[in-house]
Amino acid sequence: MPYDERMADRIREIIAERTDNVIEKKMFGGLCFLVDDKICVAVKSDKIFARVAPDVFEAALGQDGITTMDRGFKTMKGYLYINFDLLQTQKQLEHWVNLALDFNPLAKSSKGK
């Protein structure tokens, strides 16, 4: 599962500023960062995905370089792929990672009880 190591390091730094309760796991064809046991952000070879609030998700739809995460014929609401072209500066990357971190406490856990 190839993913961009440099981008993963950049994401690690942003997450570390906010929490140390993070687990890295290879999934979705890349490296996923689970915060408080919930999927938060992942990095692939040419894009990241972020789990964001419903209003952020809806507002981002249709923007160039942003696509939804689809599993078969189902769109995974709240999960956005953001192309690296939109993440060139630290500020741009922080924007998306922080949106995912902001939503994380409200996100449902997919972990079985």
PDB file of N, CA and C in Angstrom:
ATOM      1  N   MET A   1       0.843  -1.184   0.000  1.00  0.00           N
ATOM      2  CA  MET A   1       0.000   0.000   0.000  1.00  0.00           C
ATOM      3  C   MET A   1       0.885   1.243   0.000  1.00  0.00           C
ATOM      4  N   PRO A   2       1.148   1.784  -1.167  1.00  0.00           N
ATOM      5  CA  PRO A   2       2.017   2.958  -1.217  1.00  0.00           C
ATOM      6  C   PRO A   2       1.288   4.211  -0.730  1.00  0.00           C
ATOM      7  N   TYR A   3       2.023   5.010   0.030  1.00  0.00           N
ATOM      8  CA  TYR A   3       1.513   6.308   0.448  1.00  0.00           C
ATOM      9  C   TYR A   3       2.697   7.259   0.520  1.00  0.00           C
ATOM     10  N   ASP A   4       2.425   8.527   0.492  1.00  0.00           N
ATOM     11  CA  ASP A   4       3.470   9.545   0.490  1.00  0.00           C
ATOM     12  C   ASP A   4       3.990   9.752   1.916  1.00  0.00           C
ATOM     13  N   GLU A   5       5.214   9.324   2.156  1.00  0.00           N
ATOM     14  CA  GLU A   5       5.818   9.426   3.491  1.00  0.00           C
ATOM     15  C   GLU A   5       5.955  10.869   3.961  1.00  0.00           C
ATOM     16  N   ARG A   6       6.321  11.733   3.045  1.00  0.00           N
ATOM     17  CA  ARG A   6       6.481  13.147   3.417  1.00  0.00           C
ATOM     18  C   ARG A   6       5.158  13.749   3.879  1.00  0.00           C
ATOM     19  N   MET A   7       4.093  13.443   3.153  1.00  0.00           N
ATOM     20  CA  MET A   7       2.780  13.947   3.548  1.00  0.00           C
ATOM     21  C   MET A   7       2.362  13.323   4.879  1.00  0.00           C
ATOM     22  N   ALA A   8       2.648  12.053   5.082  1.00  0.00           N
ATOM     23  CA  ALA A   8       2.329  11.404   6.356  1.00  0.00           C
ATOM     24  C   ALA A   8       3.053  12.108   7.508  1.00  0.00           C
ATOM     25  N   ASP A   9       4.303  12.467   7.305  1.00  0.00           N
ATOM     26  CA  ASP A   9       5.054  13.186   8.344  1.00  0.00           C
ATOM     27  C   ASP A   9       4.435  14.550   8.634  1.00  0.00           C
ATOM     28  N   ARG A  10       4.015  15.250   7.591  1.00  0.00           N
ATOM     29  CA  ARG A  10       3.376  16.563   7.768  1.00  0.00           C
ATOM     30  C   ARG A  10       2.082  16.416   8.579  1.00  0.00           C
ATOM     31  N   ILE A  11       1.304  15.391   8.274  1.00  0.00           N
ATOM     32  CA  ILE A  11       0.051  15.152   8.993  1.00  0.00           C
ATOM     33  C   ILE A  11       0.332  14.773  10.442  1.00  0.00           C
ATOM     34  N   ARG A  12       1.330  13.920  10.673  1.00  0.00           N
ATOM     35  CA  ARG A  12       1.712  13.529  12.038  1.00  0.00           C
ATOM     36  C   ARG A  12       1.992  14.747  12.906  1.00  0.00           C
ATOM     37  N   GLU A  13       2.733  15.694  12.355  1.00  0.00           N
ATOM     38  CA  GLU A  13       3.094  16.908  13.099  1.00  0.00           C
ATOM     39  C   GLU A  13       1.853  17.713  13.492  1.00  0.00           C
ATOM     40  N   ILE A  14       0.910  17.843  12.581  1.00  0.00           N
ATOM     41  CA  ILE A  14      -0.308  18.605  12.864  1.00  0.00           C
ATOM     42  C   ILE A  14      -1.133  17.900  13.940  1.00  0.00           C
ATOM     43  N   ILE A  15      -1.295  16.600  13.799  1.00  0.00           N
ATOM     44  CA  ILE A  15      -2.073  15.849  14.785  1.00  0.00           C
ATOM     45  C   ILE A  15      -1.406  15.904  16.150  1.00  0.00           C
ATOM     46  N   ALA A  16      -0.081  15.781  16.188  1.00  0.00           N
ATOM     47  CA  ALA A  16       0.661  15.775  17.458  1.00  0.00           C
ATOM     48  C   ALA A  16       0.491  17.076  18.238  1.00  0.00           C
ATOM     49  N   GLU A  17       0.221  18.172  17.539  1.00  0.00           N
ATOM     50  CA  GLU A  17      -0.015  19.453  18.220  1.00  0.00           C
ATOM     51  C   GLU A  17      -1.330  19.443  18.994  1.00  0.00           C
ATOM     52  N   ARG A  18      -2.230  18.537  18.639  1.00  0.00           N
ATOM     53  CA  ARG A  18      -3.567  18.527  19.247  1.00  0.00           C
ATOM     54  C   ARG A  18      -3.843  17.328  20.142  1.00  0.00           C
ATOM     55  N   THR A  19      -3.200  16.196  19.862  1.00  0.00           N
ATOM     56  CA  THR A  19      -3.485  14.995  20.650  1.00  0.00           C
ATOM     57  C   THR A  19      -2.347  13.987  20.527  1.00  0.00           C
ATOM     58  N   ASP A  20      -2.257  13.134  21.520  1.00  0.00           N
ATOM     59  CA  ASP A  20      -1.312  12.018  21.423  1.00  0.00           C
ATOM     60  C   ASP A  20      -2.069  10.689  21.379  1.00  0.00           C
ATOM     61  N   ASN A  21      -3.383  10.759  21.322  1.00  0.00           N
ATOM     62  CA  ASN A  21      -4.213   9.558  21.259  1.00  0.00           C
ATOM     63  C   ASN A  21      -4.487   9.206  19.799  1.00  0.00           C
ATOM     64  N   VAL A  22      -3.428   8.791  19.116  1.00  0.00           N
ATOM     65  CA  VAL A  22      -3.516   8.489  17.689  1.00  0.00           C
ATOM     66  C   VAL A  22      -2.858   7.143  17.413  1.00  0.00           C
ATOM     67  N   ILE A  23      -3.482   6.399  16.527  1.00  0.00           N
ATOM     68  CA  ILE A  23      -2.947   5.113  16.073  1.00  0.00           C
ATOM     69  C   ILE A  23      -2.832   5.205  14.558  1.00  0.00           C
ATOM     70  N   GLU A  24      -1.730   4.734  14.024  1.00  0.00           N
ATOM     71  CA  GLU A  24      -1.541   4.675  12.579  1.00  0.00           C
ATOM     72  C   GLU A  24      -1.788   3.245  12.120  1.00  0.00           C
ATOM     73  N   LYS A  25      -2.573   3.126  11.059  1.00  0.00           N
ATOM     74  CA  LYS A  25      -2.931   1.792  10.574  1.00  0.00           C
ATOM     75  C   LYS A  25      -2.991   1.820   9.051  1.00  0.00           C
ATOM     76  N   LYS A  26      -2.422   0.813   8.421  1.00  0.00           N
ATOM     77  CA  LYS A  26      -2.489   0.725   6.967  1.00  0.00           C
ATOM     78  C   LYS A  26      -3.879   0.242   6.581  1.00  0.00           C
ATOM     79  N   MET A  27      -4.588   1.077   5.865  1.00  0.00           N
ATOM     80  CA  MET A  27      -5.924   0.748   5.375  1.00  0.00           C
ATOM     81  C   MET A  27      -6.318   1.723   4.275  1.00  0.00           C
ATOM     82  N   PHE A  28      -7.369   1.428   3.551  1.00  0.00           N
ATOM     83  CA  PHE A  28      -7.868   2.264   2.443  1.00  0.00           C
ATOM     84  C   PHE A  28      -6.788   2.510   1.392  1.00  0.00           C
ATOM     85  N   GLY A  29      -5.852   1.603   1.244  1.00  0.00           N
ATOM     86  CA  GLY A  29      -4.797   1.765   0.253  1.00  0.00           C
ATOM     87  C   GLY A  29      -3.764   2.800   0.637  1.00  0.00           C
ATOM     88  N   GLY A  30      -3.647   3.098   1.919  1.00  0.00           N
ATOM     89  CA  GLY A  30      -2.672   4.077   2.385  1.00  0.00           C
ATOM     90  C   GLY A  30      -2.462   3.937   3.876  1.00  0.00           C
ATOM     91  N   LEU A  31      -2.136   5.038   4.515  1.00  0.00           N
ATOM     92  CA  LEU A  31      -1.917   5.065   5.956  1.00  0.00           C
ATOM     93  C   LEU A  31      -3.004   5.910   6.603  1.00  0.00           C
ATOM     94  N   CYS A  32      -3.725   5.319   7.533  1.00  0.00           N
ATOM     95  CA  CYS A  32      -4.843   5.989   8.191  1.00  0.00           C
ATOM     96  C   CYS A  32      -4.437   6.388   9.609  1.00  0.00           C
ATOM     97  N   PHE A  33      -4.848   7.576  10.017  1.00  0.00           N
ATOM     98  CA  PHE A  33      -4.632   8.069  11.370  1.00  0.00           C
ATOM     99  C   PHE A  33      -5.970   7.989  12.107  1.00  0.00           C
ATOM    100  N   LEU A  34      -6.017   7.136  13.115  1.00  0.00           N
ATOM    101  CA  LEU A  34      -7.213   6.999  13.938  1.00  0.00           C
ATOM    102  C   LEU A  34      -6.987   7.798  15.213  1.00  0.00           C
ATOM    103  N   VAL A  35      -7.866   8.726  15.490  1.00  0.00           N
ATOM    104  CA  VAL A  35      -7.786   9.550  16.690  1.00  0.00           C
ATOM    105  C   VAL A  35      -8.933   9.134  17.599  1.00  0.00           C
ATOM    106  N   ASP A  36      -8.608   8.827  18.842  1.00  0.00           N
ATOM    107  CA  ASP A  36      -9.600   8.320  19.789  1.00  0.00           C
ATOM    108  C   ASP A  36     -10.349   7.122  19.217  1.00  0.00           C
ATOM    109  N   ASP A  37      -9.612   6.252  18.543  1.00  0.00           N
ATOM    110  CA  ASP A  37     -10.152   5.024  17.934  1.00  0.00           C
ATOM    111  C   ASP A  37     -11.157   5.292  16.817  1.00  0.00           C
ATOM    112  N   LYS A  38     -11.103   6.470  16.200  1.00  0.00           N
ATOM    113  CA  LYS A  38     -12.003   6.803  15.097  1.00  0.00           C
ATOM    114  C   LYS A  38     -11.188   7.251  13.895  1.00  0.00           C
ATOM    115  N   ILE A  39     -11.609   6.834  12.715  1.00  0.00           N
ATOM    116  CA  ILE A  39     -10.951   7.268  11.488  1.00  0.00           C
ATOM    117  C   ILE A  39     -11.019   8.784  11.406  1.00  0.00           C
ATOM    118  N   CYS A  40      -9.867   9.399  11.169  1.00  0.00           N
ATOM    119  CA  CYS A  40      -9.817  10.858  11.126  1.00  0.00           C
ATOM    120  C   CYS A  40      -9.264  11.352   9.784  1.00  0.00           C
ATOM    121  N   VAL A  41      -8.038  10.955   9.474  1.00  0.00           N
ATOM    122  CA  VAL A  41      -7.348  11.393   8.257  1.00  0.00           C
ATOM    123  C   VAL A  41      -6.564  10.201   7.721  1.00  0.00           C
ATOM    124  N   ALA A  42      -6.395  10.143   6.410  1.00  0.00           N
ATOM    125  CA  ALA A  42      -5.544   9.121   5.804  1.00  0.00           C
ATOM    126  C   ALA A  42      -4.756   9.758   4.672  1.00  0.00           C
ATOM    127  N   VAL A  43      -3.625   9.159   4.371  1.00  0.00           N
ATOM    128  CA  VAL A  43      -2.798   9.639   3.267  1.00  0.00           C
ATOM    129  C   VAL A  43      -2.572   8.498   2.288  1.00  0.00           C
ATOM    130  N   LYS A  44      -2.670   8.840   1.008  1.00  0.00           N
ATOM    131  CA  LYS A  44      -2.412   7.888  -0.068  1.00  0.00           C
ATOM    132  C   LYS A  44      -1.225   8.424  -0.866  1.00  0.00           C
ATOM    133  N   SER A  45      -1.050   7.968  -2.073  1.00  0.00           N
ATOM    134  CA  SER A  45       0.106   8.400  -2.863  1.00  0.00           C
ATOM    135  C   SER A  45      -0.058   9.791  -3.457  1.00  0.00           C
ATOM    136  N   ASP A  46      -1.293  10.236  -3.677  1.00  0.00           N
ATOM    137  CA  ASP A  46      -1.506  11.519  -4.337  1.00  0.00           C
ATOM    138  C   ASP A  46      -2.633  12.351  -3.732  1.00  0.00           C
ATOM    139  N   LYS A  47      -3.174  11.875  -2.610  1.00  0.00           N
ATOM    140  CA  LYS A  47      -4.273  12.592  -1.964  1.00  0.00           C
ATOM    141  C   LYS A  47      -4.378  12.155  -0.512  1.00  0.00           C
ATOM    142  N   ILE A  48      -5.108  12.960   0.245  1.00  0.00           N
ATOM    143  CA  ILE A  48      -5.456  12.560   1.603  1.00  0.00           C
ATOM    144  C   ILE A  48      -6.965  12.399   1.637  1.00  0.00           C
ATOM    145  N   PHE A  49      -7.455  11.752   2.662  1.00  0.00           N
ATOM    146  CA  PHE A  49      -8.881  11.883   2.909  1.00  0.00           C
ATOM    147  C   PHE A  49      -9.067  12.321   4.339  1.00  0.00           C
ATOM    148  N   ALA A  50     -10.119  13.068   4.528  1.00  0.00           N
ATOM    149  CA  ALA A  50     -10.436  13.630   5.828  1.00  0.00           C
ATOM    150  C   ALA A  50     -11.901  13.340   6.133  1.00  0.00           C
ATOM    151  N   ARG A  51     -12.162  12.980   7.379  1.00  0.00           N
ATOM    152  CA  ARG A  51     -13.540  12.769   7.842  1.00  0.00           C
ATOM    153  C   ARG A  51     -13.980  14.075   8.477  1.00  0.00           C
ATOM    154  N   VAL A  52     -14.965  14.722   7.865  1.00  0.00           N
ATOM    155  CA  VAL A  52     -15.349  16.077   8.249  1.00  0.00           C
ATOM    156  C   VAL A  52     -16.831  16.172   8.605  1.00  0.00           C
ATOM    157  N   ALA A  53     -17.198  17.286   9.202  1.00  0.00           N
ATOM    158  CA  ALA A  53     -18.583  17.544   9.594  1.00  0.00           C
ATOM    159  C   ALA A  53     -19.485  17.607   8.356  1.00  0.00           C
ATOM    160  N   PRO A  54     -20.765  17.292   8.526  1.00  0.00           N
ATOM    161  CA  PRO A  54     -21.693  17.302   7.387  1.00  0.00           C
ATOM    162  C   PRO A  54     -21.723  18.626   6.618  1.00  0.00           C
ATOM    163  N   ASP A  55     -21.680  19.751   7.319  1.00  0.00           N
ATOM    164  CA  ASP A  55     -21.729  21.038   6.608  1.00  0.00           C
ATOM    165  C   ASP A  55     -20.457  21.276   5.795  1.00  0.00           C
ATOM    166  N   VAL A  56     -19.322  20.863   6.293  1.00  0.00           N
ATOM    167  CA  VAL A  56     -18.056  20.986   5.567  1.00  0.00           C
ATOM    168  C   VAL A  56     -18.083  20.070   4.345  1.00  0.00           C
ATOM    169  N   PHE A  57     -18.581  18.862   4.548  1.00  0.00           N
ATOM    170  CA  PHE A  57     -18.692  17.894   3.455  1.00  0.00           C
ATOM    171  C   PHE A  57     -19.539  18.470   2.323  1.00  0.00           C
ATOM    172  N   GLU A  58     -20.713  18.958   2.654  1.00  0.00           N
ATOM    173  CA  GLU A  58     -21.627  19.502   1.632  1.00  0.00           C
ATOM    174  C   GLU A  58     -21.020  20.712   0.924  1.00  0.00           C
ATOM    175  N   ALA A  59     -20.357  21.589   1.671  1.00  0.00           N
ATOM    176  CA  ALA A  59     -19.772  22.797   1.081  1.00  0.00           C
ATOM    177  C   ALA A  59     -18.620  22.464   0.139  1.00  0.00           C
ATOM    178  N   ALA A  60     -17.922  21.371   0.390  1.00  0.00           N
ATOM    179  CA  ALA A  60     -16.756  21.013  -0.420  1.00  0.00           C
ATOM    180  C   ALA A  60     -17.124  20.299  -1.714  1.00  0.00           C
ATOM    181  N   LEU A  61     -18.325  19.727  -1.768  1.00  0.00           N
ATOM    182  CA  LEU A  61     -18.728  18.983  -2.960  1.00  0.00           C
ATOM    183  C   LEU A  61     -18.678  19.863  -4.191  1.00  0.00           C
ATOM    184  N   GLY A  62     -18.118  19.337  -5.253  1.00  0.00           N
ATOM    185  CA  GLY A  62     -18.049  20.067  -6.509  1.00  0.00           C
ATOM    186  C   GLY A  62     -16.813  20.921  -6.673  1.00  0.00           C
ATOM    187  N   GLN A  63     -16.013  21.089  -5.630  1.00  0.00           N
ATOM    188  CA  GLN A  63     -14.780  21.864  -5.757  1.00  0.00           C
ATOM    189  C   GLN A  63     -13.738  21.046  -6.516  1.00  0.00           C
ATOM    190  N   ASP A  64     -12.973  21.709  -7.362  1.00  0.00           N
ATOM    191  CA  ASP A  64     -11.904  21.038  -8.094  1.00  0.00           C
ATOM    192  C   ASP A  64     -10.916  20.435  -7.108  1.00  0.00           C
ATOM    193  N   GLY A  65     -10.513  19.196  -7.364  1.00  0.00           N
ATOM    194  CA  GLY A  65      -9.518  18.535  -6.534  1.00  0.00           C
ATOM    195  C   GLY A  65     -10.071  17.861  -5.300  1.00  0.00           C
ATOM    196  N   ILE A  66     -11.394  17.909  -5.117  1.00  0.00           N
ATOM    197  CA  ILE A  66     -12.029  17.271  -3.967  1.00  0.00           C
ATOM    198  C   ILE A  66     -13.090  16.309  -4.478  1.00  0.00           C
ATOM    199  N   THR A  67     -13.020  15.075  -3.998  1.00  0.00           N
ATOM    200  CA  THR A  67     -14.000  14.064  -4.391  1.00  0.00           C
ATOM    201  C   THR A  67     -14.492  13.328  -3.146  1.00  0.00           C
ATOM    202  N   THR A  68     -15.583  12.632  -3.331  1.00  0.00           N
ATOM    203  CA  THR A  68     -16.128  11.856  -2.225  1.00  0.00           C
ATOM    204  C   THR A  68     -15.473  10.477  -2.191  1.00  0.00           C
ATOM    205  N   MET A  69     -15.570   9.854  -1.057  1.00  0.00           N
ATOM    206  CA  MET A  69     -15.122   8.473  -0.922  1.00  0.00           C
ATOM    207  C   MET A  69     -16.322   7.598  -1.259  1.00  0.00           C
ATOM    208  N   ASP A  70     -16.166   6.771  -2.264  1.00  0.00           N
ATOM    209  CA  ASP A  70     -17.251   5.891  -2.689  1.00  0.00           C
ATOM    210  C   ASP A  70     -16.848   4.443  -2.485  1.00  0.00           C
ATOM    211  N   ARG A  71     -17.767   3.665  -1.944  1.00  0.00           N
ATOM    212  CA  ARG A  71     -17.593   2.228  -1.764  1.00  0.00           C
ATOM    213  C   ARG A  71     -18.675   1.564  -2.596  1.00  0.00           C
ATOM    214  N   GLY A  72     -18.274   1.034  -3.739  1.00  0.00           N
ATOM    215  CA  GLY A  72     -19.262   0.486  -4.656  1.00  0.00           C
ATOM    216  C   GLY A  72     -20.101   1.629  -5.204  1.00  0.00           C
ATOM    217  N   PHE A  73     -21.406   1.550  -5.016  1.00  0.00           N
ATOM    218  CA  PHE A  73     -22.300   2.599  -5.497  1.00  0.00           C
ATOM    219  C   PHE A  73     -22.710   3.560  -4.387  1.00  0.00           C
ATOM    220  N   LYS A  74     -22.117   3.412  -3.208  1.00  0.00           N
ATOM    221  CA  LYS A  74     -22.497   4.222  -2.056  1.00  0.00           C
ATOM    222  C   LYS A  74     -21.439   5.286  -1.762  1.00  0.00           C
ATOM    223  N   THR A  75     -21.898   6.528  -1.636  1.00  0.00           N
ATOM    224  CA  THR A  75     -21.008   7.619  -1.223  1.00  0.00           C
ATOM    225  C   THR A  75     -20.918   7.614   0.289  1.00  0.00           C
ATOM    226  N   MET A  76     -19.697   7.628   0.789  1.00  0.00           N
ATOM    227  CA  MET A  76     -19.465   7.648   2.227  1.00  0.00           C
ATOM    228  C   MET A  76     -19.529   9.101   2.689  1.00  0.00           C
ATOM    229  N   LYS A  77     -20.668   9.489   3.214  1.00  0.00           N
ATOM    230  CA  LYS A  77     -20.876  10.877   3.624  1.00  0.00           C
ATOM    231  C   LYS A  77     -19.908  11.243   4.742  1.00  0.00           C
ATOM    232  N   GLY A  78     -19.319  12.406   4.582  1.00  0.00           N
ATOM    233  CA  GLY A  78     -18.388  12.903   5.580  1.00  0.00           C
ATOM    234  C   GLY A  78     -16.934  12.628   5.251  1.00  0.00           C
ATOM    235  N   TYR A  79     -16.684  11.769   4.268  1.00  0.00           N
ATOM    236  CA  TYR A  79     -15.313  11.426   3.884  1.00  0.00           C
ATOM    237  C   TYR A  79     -14.973  12.084   2.558  1.00  0.00           C
ATOM    238  N   LEU A  80     -13.943  12.924   2.563  1.00  0.00           N
ATOM    239  CA  LEU A  80     -13.525  13.635   1.359  1.00  0.00           C
ATOM    240  C   LEU A  80     -12.093  13.288   0.996  1.00  0.00           C
ATOM    241  N   TYR A  81     -11.857  13.100  -0.285  1.00  0.00           N
ATOM    242  CA  TYR A  81     -10.495  12.998  -0.806  1.00  0.00           C
ATOM    243  C   TYR A  81     -10.069  14.385  -1.258  1.00  0.00           C
ATOM    244  N   ILE A  82      -8.875  14.799  -0.849  1.00  0.00           N
ATOM    245  CA  ILE A  82      -8.331  16.097  -1.229  1.00  0.00           C
ATOM    246  C   ILE A  82      -7.002  15.851  -1.941  1.00  0.00           C
ATOM    247  N   ASN A  83      -6.914  16.259  -3.202  1.00  0.00           N
ATOM    248  CA  ASN A  83      -5.699  16.078  -3.989  1.00  0.00           C
ATOM    249  C   ASN A  83      -4.545  16.885  -3.407  1.00  0.00           C
ATOM    250  N   PHE A  84      -3.343  16.352  -3.552  1.00  0.00           N
ATOM    251  CA  PHE A  84      -2.148  17.033  -3.053  1.00  0.00           C
ATOM    252  C   PHE A  84      -1.994  18.442  -3.632  1.00  0.00           C
ATOM    253  N   ASP A  85      -2.531  18.671  -4.844  1.00  0.00           N
ATOM    254  CA  ASP A  85      -2.447  20.014  -5.449  1.00  0.00           C
ATOM    255  C   ASP A  85      -3.033  21.083  -4.531  1.00  0.00           C
ATOM    256  N   LEU A  86      -4.010  20.702  -3.714  1.00  0.00           N
ATOM    257  CA  LEU A  86      -4.671  21.647  -2.813  1.00  0.00           C
ATOM    258  C   LEU A  86      -4.003  21.701  -1.443  1.00  0.00           C
ATOM    259  N   LEU A  87      -2.882  20.998  -1.282  1.00  0.00           N
ATOM    260  CA  LEU A  87      -2.234  20.874   0.028  1.00  0.00           C
ATOM    261  C   LEU A  87      -0.760  21.267  -0.027  1.00  0.00           C
ATOM    262  N   GLN A  88      -0.434  22.184  -0.904  1.00  0.00           N
ATOM    263  CA  GLN A  88       0.969  22.554  -1.101  1.00  0.00           C
ATOM    264  C   GLN A  88       1.554  23.311   0.093  1.00  0.00           C
ATOM    265  N   THR A  89       0.771  24.191   0.682  1.00  0.00           N
ATOM    266  CA  THR A  89       1.291  24.969   1.807  1.00  0.00           C
ATOM    267  C   THR A  89       0.890  24.308   3.127  1.00  0.00           C
ATOM    268  N   GLN A  90       1.617  24.649   4.165  1.00  0.00           N
ATOM    269  CA  GLN A  90       1.286  24.124   5.495  1.00  0.00           C
ATOM    270  C   GLN A  90      -0.111  24.584   5.909  1.00  0.00           C
ATOM    271  N   LYS A  91      -0.444  25.818   5.592  1.00  0.00           N
ATOM    272  CA  LYS A  91      -1.761  26.362   5.950  1.00  0.00           C
ATOM    273  C   LYS A  91      -2.885  25.565   5.277  1.00  0.00           C
ATOM    274  N   GLN A  92      -2.701  25.214   4.016  1.00  0.00           N
ATOM    275  CA  GLN A  92      -3.714  24.438   3.300  1.00  0.00           C
ATOM    276  C   GLN A  92      -3.900  23.064   3.935  1.00  0.00           C
ATOM    277  N   LEU A  93      -2.796  22.390   4.264  1.00  0.00           N
ATOM    278  CA  LEU A  93      -2.894  21.078   4.882  1.00  0.00           C
ATOM    279  C   LEU A  93      -3.499  21.181   6.279  1.00  0.00           C
ATOM    280  N   GLU A  94      -3.062  22.150   7.053  1.00  0.00           N
ATOM    281  CA  GLU A  94      -3.606  22.339   8.405  1.00  0.00           C
ATOM    282  C   GLU A  94      -5.115  22.558   8.370  1.00  0.00           C
ATOM    283  N   HIS A  95      -5.575  23.293   7.374  1.00  0.00           N
ATOM    284  CA  HIS A  95      -7.010  23.556   7.238  1.00  0.00           C
ATOM    285  C   HIS A  95      -7.798  22.245   7.237  1.00  0.00           C
ATOM    286  N   TRP A  96      -7.426  21.307   6.366  1.00  0.00           N
ATOM    287  CA  TRP A  96      -8.185  20.070   6.223  1.00  0.00           C
ATOM    288  C   TRP A  96      -7.972  19.125   7.401  1.00  0.00           C
ATOM    289  N   VAL A  97      -6.743  19.013   7.878  1.00  0.00           N
ATOM    290  CA  VAL A  97      -6.488  18.129   9.015  1.00  0.00           C
ATOM    291  C   VAL A  97      -7.206  18.657  10.256  1.00  0.00           C
ATOM    292  N   ASN A  98      -7.178  19.965  10.458  1.00  0.00           N
ATOM    293  CA  ASN A  98      -7.874  20.532  11.627  1.00  0.00           C
ATOM    294  C   ASN A  98      -9.390  20.395  11.517  1.00  0.00           C
ATOM    295  N   LEU A  99      -9.937  20.484  10.315  1.00  0.00           N
ATOM    296  CA  LEU A  99     -11.376  20.236  10.160  1.00  0.00           C
ATOM    297  C   LEU A  99     -11.713  18.810  10.574  1.00  0.00           C
ATOM    298  N   ALA A 100     -10.874  17.860  10.196  1.00  0.00           N
ATOM    299  CA  ALA A 100     -11.089  16.466  10.589  1.00  0.00           C
ATOM    300  C   ALA A 100     -10.929  16.288  12.097  1.00  0.00           C
ATOM    301  N   LEU A 101      -9.930  16.925  12.673  1.00  0.00           N
ATOM    302  CA  LEU A 101      -9.721  16.831  14.126  1.00  0.00           C
ATOM    303  C   LEU A 101     -10.847  17.503  14.898  1.00  0.00           C
ATOM    304  N   ASP A 102     -11.378  18.600  14.367  1.00  0.00           N
ATOM    305  CA  ASP A 102     -12.498  19.290  15.017  1.00  0.00           C
ATOM    306  C   ASP A 102     -13.743  18.409  15.040  1.00  0.00           C
ATOM    307  N   PHE A 103     -13.963  17.667  13.958  1.00  0.00           N
ATOM    308  CA  PHE A 103     -15.148  16.816  13.876  1.00  0.00           C
ATOM    309  C   PHE A 103     -14.987  15.517  14.663  1.00  0.00           C
ATOM    310  N   ASN A 104     -13.764  15.084  14.854  1.00  0.00           N
ATOM    311  CA  ASN A 104     -13.518  13.777  15.478  1.00  0.00           C
ATOM    312  C   ASN A 104     -14.276  13.514  16.773  1.00  0.00           C
ATOM    313  N   PRO A 105     -14.359  14.453  17.726  1.00  0.00           N
ATOM    314  CA  PRO A 105     -15.101  14.160  18.967  1.00  0.00           C
ATOM    315  C   PRO A 105     -16.590  13.896  18.725  1.00  0.00           C
ATOM    316  N   LEU A 106     -17.128  14.414  17.626  1.00  0.00           N
ATOM    317  CA  LEU A 106     -18.552  14.254  17.308  1.00  0.00           C
ATOM    318  C   LEU A 106     -18.828  13.033  16.444  1.00  0.00           C
ATOM    319  N   ALA A 107     -17.780  12.514  15.813  1.00  0.00           N
ATOM    320  CA  ALA A 107     -17.933  11.400  14.877  1.00  0.00           C
ATOM    321  C   ALA A 107     -18.272  10.116  15.629  1.00  0.00           C
ATOM    322  N   LYS A 108     -19.100   9.305  14.989  1.00  0.00           N
ATOM    323  CA  LYS A 108     -19.442   8.003  15.561  1.00  0.00           C
ATOM    324  C   LYS A 108     -18.260   7.064  15.405  1.00  0.00           C
ATOM    325  N   SER A 109     -18.058   6.256  16.396  1.00  0.00           N
ATOM    326  CA  SER A 109     -17.017   5.258  16.334  1.00  0.00           C
ATOM    327  C   SER A 109     -17.524   4.060  15.530  1.00  0.00           C
ATOM    328  N   SER A 110     -16.667   3.520  14.697  1.00  0.00           N
ATOM    329  CA  SER A 110     -17.055   2.327  13.947  1.00  0.00           C
ATOM    330  C   SER A 110     -16.591   1.076  14.678  1.00  0.00           C
ATOM    331  N   LYS A 111     -15.942   1.263  15.797  1.00  0.00           N
ATOM    332  CA  LYS A 111     -15.414   0.149  16.577  1.00  0.00           C
ATOM    333  C   LYS A 111     -16.551  -0.590  17.280  1.00  0.00           C
ATOM    334  N   GLY A 112     -16.533  -1.911  17.194  1.00  0.00           N
ATOM    335  CA  GLY A 112     -17.567  -2.715  17.857  1.00  0.00           C
ATOM    336  C   GLY A 112     -17.455  -2.626  19.369  1.00  0.00           C
ATOM    337  N   LYS A 113     -18.596  -2.740  20.049  1.00  0.00           N
ATOM    338  CA  LYS A 113     -18.590  -2.644  21.505  1.00  0.00           C
ATOM    339  C   LYS A 113     -18.481  -4.014  22.126  1.00  0.00           C
TER     340      LYS A 113
END
